[in-house]
Amino acid sequence: MHTFIVQGMSCGHCVKAITQAVQAKDPAADVRIDLGTKTVQVQSSLPADAVVEVIKEEGYEATVA
């Protein structure tokens, strides 16, 4: 499980966009998002840097926590 700090998330649309983007690259990925703490947890076969790139492609700033 990788944890990321993601800036710019504010609503359910953000949650859906990030979840769908990660699952487009790894359909089996488990994505858990906490808007309050701006964290995204991802259980995936993708490496952490690949998940950061996917999130950035959606327009959010992401760093590994």
PDB file of N, CA and C in Angstrom:
ATOM      1  N   MET A   1       0.856  -1.179   0.000  1.00  0.00           N
ATOM      2  CA  MET A   1       0.000   0.000   0.000  1.00  0.00           C
ATOM      3  C   MET A   1       0.896   1.235   0.000  1.00  0.00           C
ATOM      4  N   HIS A   2       0.701   2.100  -0.985  1.00  0.00           N
ATOM      5  CA  HIS A   2       1.433   3.359  -1.062  1.00  0.00           C
ATOM      6  C   HIS A   2       0.505   4.485  -0.635  1.00  0.00           C
ATOM      7  N   THR A   3       1.049   5.471   0.064  1.00  0.00           N
ATOM      8  CA  THR A   3       0.280   6.632   0.476  1.00  0.00           C
ATOM      9  C   THR A   3       0.861   7.870  -0.194  1.00  0.00           C
ATOM     10  N   PHE A   4      -0.039   8.713  -0.701  1.00  0.00           N
ATOM     11  CA  PHE A   4       0.356   9.929  -1.407  1.00  0.00           C
ATOM     12  C   PHE A   4      -0.350  11.132  -0.804  1.00  0.00           C
ATOM     13  N   ILE A   5       0.335  12.258  -0.802  1.00  0.00           N
ATOM     14  CA  ILE A   5      -0.281  13.531  -0.432  1.00  0.00           C
ATOM     15  C   ILE A   5      -0.662  14.186  -1.753  1.00  0.00           C
ATOM     16  N   VAL A   6      -1.935  14.540  -1.887  1.00  0.00           N
ATOM     17  CA  VAL A   6      -2.424  15.092  -3.154  1.00  0.00           C
ATOM     18  C   VAL A   6      -3.091  16.443  -2.893  1.00  0.00           C
ATOM     19  N   GLN A   7      -2.553  17.468  -3.512  1.00  0.00           N
ATOM     20  CA  GLN A   7      -3.107  18.816  -3.393  1.00  0.00           C
ATOM     21  C   GLN A   7      -4.125  19.043  -4.497  1.00  0.00           C
ATOM     22  N   GLY A   8      -5.183  19.779  -4.159  1.00  0.00           N
ATOM     23  CA  GLY A   8      -6.183  20.150  -5.154  1.00  0.00           C
ATOM     24  C   GLY A   8      -7.459  19.334  -5.110  1.00  0.00           C
ATOM     25  N   MET A   9      -7.505  18.294  -4.282  1.00  0.00           N
ATOM     26  CA  MET A   9      -8.736  17.502  -4.164  1.00  0.00           C
ATOM     27  C   MET A   9      -9.695  18.235  -3.250  1.00  0.00           C
ATOM     28  N   SER A  10     -10.973  18.339  -3.684  1.00  0.00           N
ATOM     29  CA  SER A  10     -11.921  19.055  -2.838  1.00  0.00           C
ATOM     30  C   SER A  10     -13.322  18.456  -2.827  1.00  0.00           C
ATOM     31  N   CYS A  11     -13.580  17.475  -3.714  1.00  0.00           N
ATOM     32  CA  CYS A  11     -14.962  17.005  -3.805  1.00  0.00           C
ATOM     33  C   CYS A  11     -15.022  15.565  -4.316  1.00  0.00           C
ATOM     34  N   GLY A  12     -16.231  15.080  -4.427  1.00  0.00           N
ATOM     35  CA  GLY A  12     -16.452  13.729  -4.924  1.00  0.00           C
ATOM     36  C   GLY A  12     -15.980  13.536  -6.351  1.00  0.00           C
ATOM     37  N   HIS A  13     -16.067  14.587  -7.162  1.00  0.00           N
ATOM     38  CA  HIS A  13     -15.576  14.480  -8.545  1.00  0.00           C
ATOM     39  C   HIS A  13     -14.084  14.197  -8.555  1.00  0.00           C
ATOM     40  N   CYS A  14     -13.337  14.851  -7.663  1.00  0.00           N
ATOM     41  CA  CYS A  14     -11.891  14.619  -7.566  1.00  0.00           C
ATOM     42  C   CYS A  14     -11.607  13.164  -7.201  1.00  0.00           C
ATOM     43  N   VAL A  15     -12.343  12.666  -6.239  1.00  0.00           N
ATOM     44  CA  VAL A  15     -12.189  11.275  -5.801  1.00  0.00           C
ATOM     45  C   VAL A  15     -12.434  10.323  -6.973  1.00  0.00           C
ATOM     46  N   LYS A  16     -13.523  10.560  -7.691  1.00  0.00           N
ATOM     47  CA  LYS A  16     -13.875   9.697  -8.823  1.00  0.00           C
ATOM     48  C   LYS A  16     -12.822   9.780  -9.925  1.00  0.00           C
ATOM     49  N   ALA A  17     -12.355  10.985 -10.236  1.00  0.00           N
ATOM     50  CA  ALA A  17     -11.377  11.170 -11.308  1.00  0.00           C
ATOM     51  C   ALA A  17     -10.074  10.436 -10.998  1.00  0.00           C
ATOM     52  N   ILE A  18      -9.589  10.586  -9.771  1.00  0.00           N
ATOM     53  CA  ILE A  18      -8.331   9.940  -9.395  1.00  0.00           C
ATOM     54  C   ILE A  18      -8.505   8.422  -9.346  1.00  0.00           C
ATOM     55  N   THR A  19      -9.594   7.963  -8.765  1.00  0.00           N
ATOM     56  CA  THR A  19      -9.848   6.520  -8.680  1.00  0.00           C
ATOM     57  C   THR A  19      -9.913   5.901 -10.074  1.00  0.00           C
ATOM     58  N   GLN A  20     -10.659   6.524 -10.970  1.00  0.00           N
ATOM     59  CA  GLN A  20     -10.803   5.978 -12.320  1.00  0.00           C
ATOM     60  C   GLN A  20      -9.480   6.008 -13.078  1.00  0.00           C
ATOM     61  N   ALA A  21      -8.687   7.061 -12.886  1.00  0.00           N
ATOM     62  CA  ALA A  21      -7.405   7.170 -13.584  1.00  0.00           C
ATOM     63  C   ALA A  21      -6.453   6.062 -13.148  1.00  0.00           C
ATOM     64  N   VAL A  22      -6.385   5.812 -11.835  1.00  0.00           N
ATOM     65  CA  VAL A  22      -5.506   4.750 -11.339  1.00  0.00           C
ATOM     66  C   VAL A  22      -6.009   3.388 -11.817  1.00  0.00           C
ATOM     67  N   GLN A  23      -7.306   3.170 -11.734  1.00  0.00           N
ATOM     68  CA  GLN A  23      -7.854   1.877 -12.129  1.00  0.00           C
ATOM     69  C   GLN A  23      -7.822   1.661 -13.639  1.00  0.00           C
ATOM     70  N   ALA A  24      -7.664   2.725 -14.415  1.00  0.00           N
ATOM     71  CA  ALA A  24      -7.494   2.571 -15.866  1.00  0.00           C
ATOM     72  C   ALA A  24      -6.143   1.922 -16.167  1.00  0.00           C
ATOM     73  N   LYS A  25      -5.149   2.208 -15.327  1.00  0.00           N
ATOM     74  CA  LYS A  25      -3.812   1.625 -15.498  1.00  0.00           C
ATOM     75  C   LYS A  25      -3.700   0.264 -14.823  1.00  0.00           C
ATOM     76  N   ASP A  26      -4.439   0.076 -13.714  1.00  0.00           N
ATOM     77  CA  ASP A  26      -4.448  -1.199 -12.982  1.00  0.00           C
ATOM     78  C   ASP A  26      -5.869  -1.440 -12.481  1.00  0.00           C
ATOM     79  N   PRO A  27      -6.677  -2.165 -13.266  1.00  0.00           N
ATOM     80  CA  PRO A  27      -8.081  -2.382 -12.893  1.00  0.00           C
ATOM     81  C   PRO A  27      -8.288  -3.013 -11.513  1.00  0.00           C
ATOM     82  N   ALA A  28      -7.285  -3.721 -11.011  1.00  0.00           N
ATOM     83  CA  ALA A  28      -7.413  -4.377  -9.705  1.00  0.00           C
ATOM     84  C   ALA A  28      -6.985  -3.470  -8.554  1.00  0.00           C
ATOM     85  N   ALA A  29      -6.574  -2.251  -8.844  1.00  0.00           N
ATOM     86  CA  ALA A  29      -6.075  -1.352  -7.792  1.00  0.00           C
ATOM     87  C   ALA A  29      -7.176  -1.020  -6.784  1.00  0.00           C
ATOM     88  N   ASP A  30      -6.771  -0.962  -5.528  1.00  0.00           N
ATOM     89  CA  ASP A  30      -7.654  -0.530  -4.443  1.00  0.00           C
ATOM     90  C   ASP A  30      -7.238   0.894  -4.102  1.00  0.00           C
ATOM     91  N   VAL A  31      -8.149   1.845  -4.315  1.00  0.00           N
ATOM     92  CA  VAL A  31      -7.851   3.262  -4.097  1.00  0.00           C
ATOM     93  C   VAL A  31      -8.725   3.778  -2.963  1.00  0.00           C
ATOM     94  N   ARG A  32      -8.085   4.366  -1.959  1.00  0.00           N
ATOM     95  CA  ARG A  32      -8.803   4.926  -0.812  1.00  0.00           C
ATOM     96  C   ARG A  32      -8.381   6.380  -0.650  1.00  0.00           C
ATOM     97  N   ILE A  33      -9.349   7.278  -0.661  1.00  0.00           N
ATOM     98  CA  ILE A  33      -9.061   8.708  -0.641  1.00  0.00           C
ATOM     99  C   ILE A  33      -9.715   9.356   0.567  1.00  0.00           C
ATOM    100  N   ASP A  34      -8.937  10.174   1.271  1.00  0.00           N
ATOM    101  CA  ASP A  34      -9.432  10.945   2.412  1.00  0.00           C
ATOM    102  C   ASP A  34      -9.263  12.424   2.072  1.00  0.00           C
ATOM    103  N   LEU A  35     -10.378  13.077   1.725  1.00  0.00           N
ATOM    104  CA  LEU A  35     -10.316  14.493   1.356  1.00  0.00           C
ATOM    105  C   LEU A  35      -9.851  15.365   2.509  1.00  0.00           C
ATOM    106  N   GLY A  36     -10.212  14.997   3.737  1.00  0.00           N
ATOM    107  CA  GLY A  36      -9.842  15.788   4.907  1.00  0.00           C
ATOM    108  C   GLY A  36      -8.343  15.905   5.106  1.00  0.00           C
ATOM    109  N   THR A  37      -7.636  14.791   4.887  1.00  0.00           N
ATOM    110  CA  THR A  37      -6.182  14.802   5.088  1.00  0.00           C
ATOM    111  C   THR A  37      -5.420  14.911   3.770  1.00  0.00           C
ATOM    112  N   LYS A  38      -6.162  14.988   2.649  1.00  0.00           N
ATOM    113  CA  LYS A  38      -5.559  15.098   1.311  1.00  0.00           C
ATOM    114  C   LYS A  38      -4.651  13.910   1.006  1.00  0.00           C
ATOM    115  N   THR A  39      -5.056  12.735   1.484  1.00  0.00           N
ATOM    116  CA  THR A  39      -4.242  11.542   1.239  1.00  0.00           C
ATOM    117  C   THR A  39      -4.967  10.567   0.321  1.00  0.00           C
ATOM    118  N   VAL A  40      -4.168   9.882  -0.477  1.00  0.00           N
ATOM    119  CA  VAL A  40      -4.652   8.825  -1.353  1.00  0.00           C
ATOM    120  C   VAL A  40      -3.815   7.593  -1.048  1.00  0.00           C
ATOM    121  N   GLN A  41      -4.485   6.497  -0.710  1.00  0.00           N
ATOM    122  CA  GLN A  41      -3.800   5.238  -0.484  1.00  0.00           C
ATOM    123  C   GLN A  41      -4.127   4.320  -1.651  1.00  0.00           C
ATOM    124  N   VAL A  42      -3.095   3.714  -2.207  1.00  0.00           N
ATOM    125  CA  VAL A  42      -3.282   2.857  -3.376  1.00  0.00           C
ATOM    126  C   VAL A  42      -2.572   1.527  -3.151  1.00  0.00           C
ATOM    127  N   GLN A  43      -3.340   0.455  -3.275  1.00  0.00           N
ATOM    128  CA  GLN A  43      -2.784  -0.899  -3.283  1.00  0.00           C
ATOM    129  C   GLN A  43      -2.821  -1.334  -4.735  1.00  0.00           C
ATOM    130  N   SER A  44      -1.658  -1.462  -5.341  1.00  0.00           N
ATOM    131  CA  SER A  44      -1.603  -1.713  -6.769  1.00  0.00           C
ATOM    132  C   SER A  44      -0.298  -2.393  -7.142  1.00  0.00           C
ATOM    133  N   SER A  45      -0.307  -3.006  -8.317  1.00  0.00           N
ATOM    134  CA  SER A  45       0.933  -3.568  -8.863  1.00  0.00           C
ATOM    135  C   SER A  45       1.787  -2.477  -9.501  1.00  0.00           C
ATOM    136  N   LEU A  46       1.232  -1.281  -9.647  1.00  0.00           N
ATOM    137  CA  LEU A  46       1.991  -0.157 -10.207  1.00  0.00           C
ATOM    138  C   LEU A  46       3.008   0.350  -9.189  1.00  0.00           C
ATOM    139  N   PRO A  47       4.194   0.754  -9.642  1.00  0.00           N
ATOM    140  CA  PRO A  47       5.148   1.370  -8.718  1.00  0.00           C
ATOM    141  C   PRO A  47       4.649   2.757  -8.296  1.00  0.00           C
ATOM    142  N   ALA A  48       5.128   3.237  -7.161  1.00  0.00           N
ATOM    143  CA  ALA A  48       4.663   4.509  -6.606  1.00  0.00           C
ATOM    144  C   ALA A  48       4.842   5.659  -7.590  1.00  0.00           C
ATOM    145  N   ASP A  49       5.975   5.702  -8.289  1.00  0.00           N
ATOM    146  CA  ASP A  49       6.206   6.814  -9.211  1.00  0.00           C
ATOM    147  C   ASP A  49       5.221   6.803 -10.373  1.00  0.00           C
ATOM    148  N   ALA A  50       4.769   5.632 -10.776  1.00  0.00           N
ATOM    149  CA  ALA A  50       3.767   5.540 -11.839  1.00  0.00           C
ATOM    150  C   ALA A  50       2.419   6.073 -11.363  1.00  0.00           C
ATOM    151  N   VAL A  51       2.064   5.801 -10.111  1.00  0.00           N
ATOM    152  CA  VAL A  51       0.809   6.311  -9.553  1.00  0.00           C
ATOM    153  C   VAL A  51       0.878   7.837  -9.463  1.00  0.00           C
ATOM    154  N   VAL A  52       2.017   8.382  -9.042  1.00  0.00           N
ATOM    155  CA  VAL A  52       2.185   9.836  -8.977  1.00  0.00           C
ATOM    156  C   VAL A  52       1.953  10.438 -10.364  1.00  0.00           C
ATOM    157  N   GLU A  53       2.502   9.826 -11.391  1.00  0.00           N
ATOM    158  CA  GLU A  53       2.332  10.343 -12.757  1.00  0.00           C
ATOM    159  C   GLU A  53       0.871  10.292 -13.198  1.00  0.00           C
ATOM    160  N   VAL A  54       0.175   9.212 -12.855  1.00  0.00           N
ATOM    161  CA  VAL A  54      -1.245   9.094 -13.211  1.00  0.00           C
ATOM    162  C   VAL A  54      -2.042  10.214 -12.538  1.00  0.00           C
ATOM    163  N   ILE A  55      -1.776  10.463 -11.266  1.00  0.00           N
ATOM    164  CA  ILE A  55      -2.487  11.516 -10.537  1.00  0.00           C
ATOM    165  C   ILE A  55      -2.160  12.885 -11.134  1.00  0.00           C
ATOM    166  N   LYS A  56      -0.911  13.114 -11.460  1.00  0.00           N
ATOM    167  CA  LYS A  56      -0.512  14.396 -12.069  1.00  0.00           C
ATOM    168  C   LYS A  56      -1.183  14.600 -13.419  1.00  0.00           C
ATOM    169  N   GLU A  57      -1.350  13.520 -14.185  1.00  0.00           N
ATOM    170  CA  GLU A  57      -2.032  13.618 -15.478  1.00  0.00           C
ATOM    171  C   GLU A  57      -3.480  14.075 -15.317  1.00  0.00           C
ATOM    172  N   GLU A  58      -4.062  13.814 -14.152  1.00  0.00           N
ATOM    173  CA  GLU A  58      -5.430  14.266 -13.871  1.00  0.00           C
ATOM    174  C   GLU A  58      -5.474  15.723 -13.403  1.00  0.00           C
ATOM    175  N   GLY A  59      -4.294  16.327 -13.215  1.00  0.00           N
ATOM    176  CA  GLY A  59      -4.252  17.750 -12.860  1.00  0.00           C
ATOM    177  C   GLY A  59      -4.032  18.038 -11.396  1.00  0.00           C
ATOM    178  N   TYR A  60      -3.594  17.047 -10.631  1.00  0.00           N
ATOM    179  CA  TYR A  60      -3.353  17.230  -9.199  1.00  0.00           C
ATOM    180  C   TYR A  60      -1.861  17.113  -8.898  1.00  0.00           C
ATOM    181  N   GLU A  61      -1.422  17.806  -7.870  1.00  0.00           N
ATOM    182  CA  GLU A  61      -0.033  17.675  -7.400  1.00  0.00           C
ATOM    183  C   GLU A  61       0.019  16.505  -6.442  1.00  0.00           C
ATOM    184  N   ALA A  62       0.928  15.568  -6.676  1.00  0.00           N
ATOM    185  CA  ALA A  62       1.015  14.383  -5.832  1.00  0.00           C
ATOM    186  C   ALA A  62       2.458  14.102  -5.442  1.00  0.00           C
ATOM    187  N   THR A  63       2.647  13.730  -4.182  1.00  0.00           N
ATOM    188  CA  THR A  63       3.955  13.304  -3.697  1.00  0.00           C
ATOM    189  C   THR A  63       3.768  12.073  -2.838  1.00  0.00           C
ATOM    190  N   VAL A  64       4.791  11.245  -2.783  1.00  0.00           N
ATOM    191  CA  VAL A  64       4.747  10.055  -1.923  1.00  0.00           C
ATOM    192  C   VAL A  64       4.863  10.522  -0.480  1.00  0.00           C
ATOM    193  N   ALA A  65       3.980  10.024   0.375  1.00  0.00           N
ATOM    194  CA  ALA A  65       3.981  10.430   1.789  1.00  0.00           C
ATOM    195  C   ALA A  65       5.048   9.675   2.555  1.00  0.00           C
TER     196      ALA A  65
END
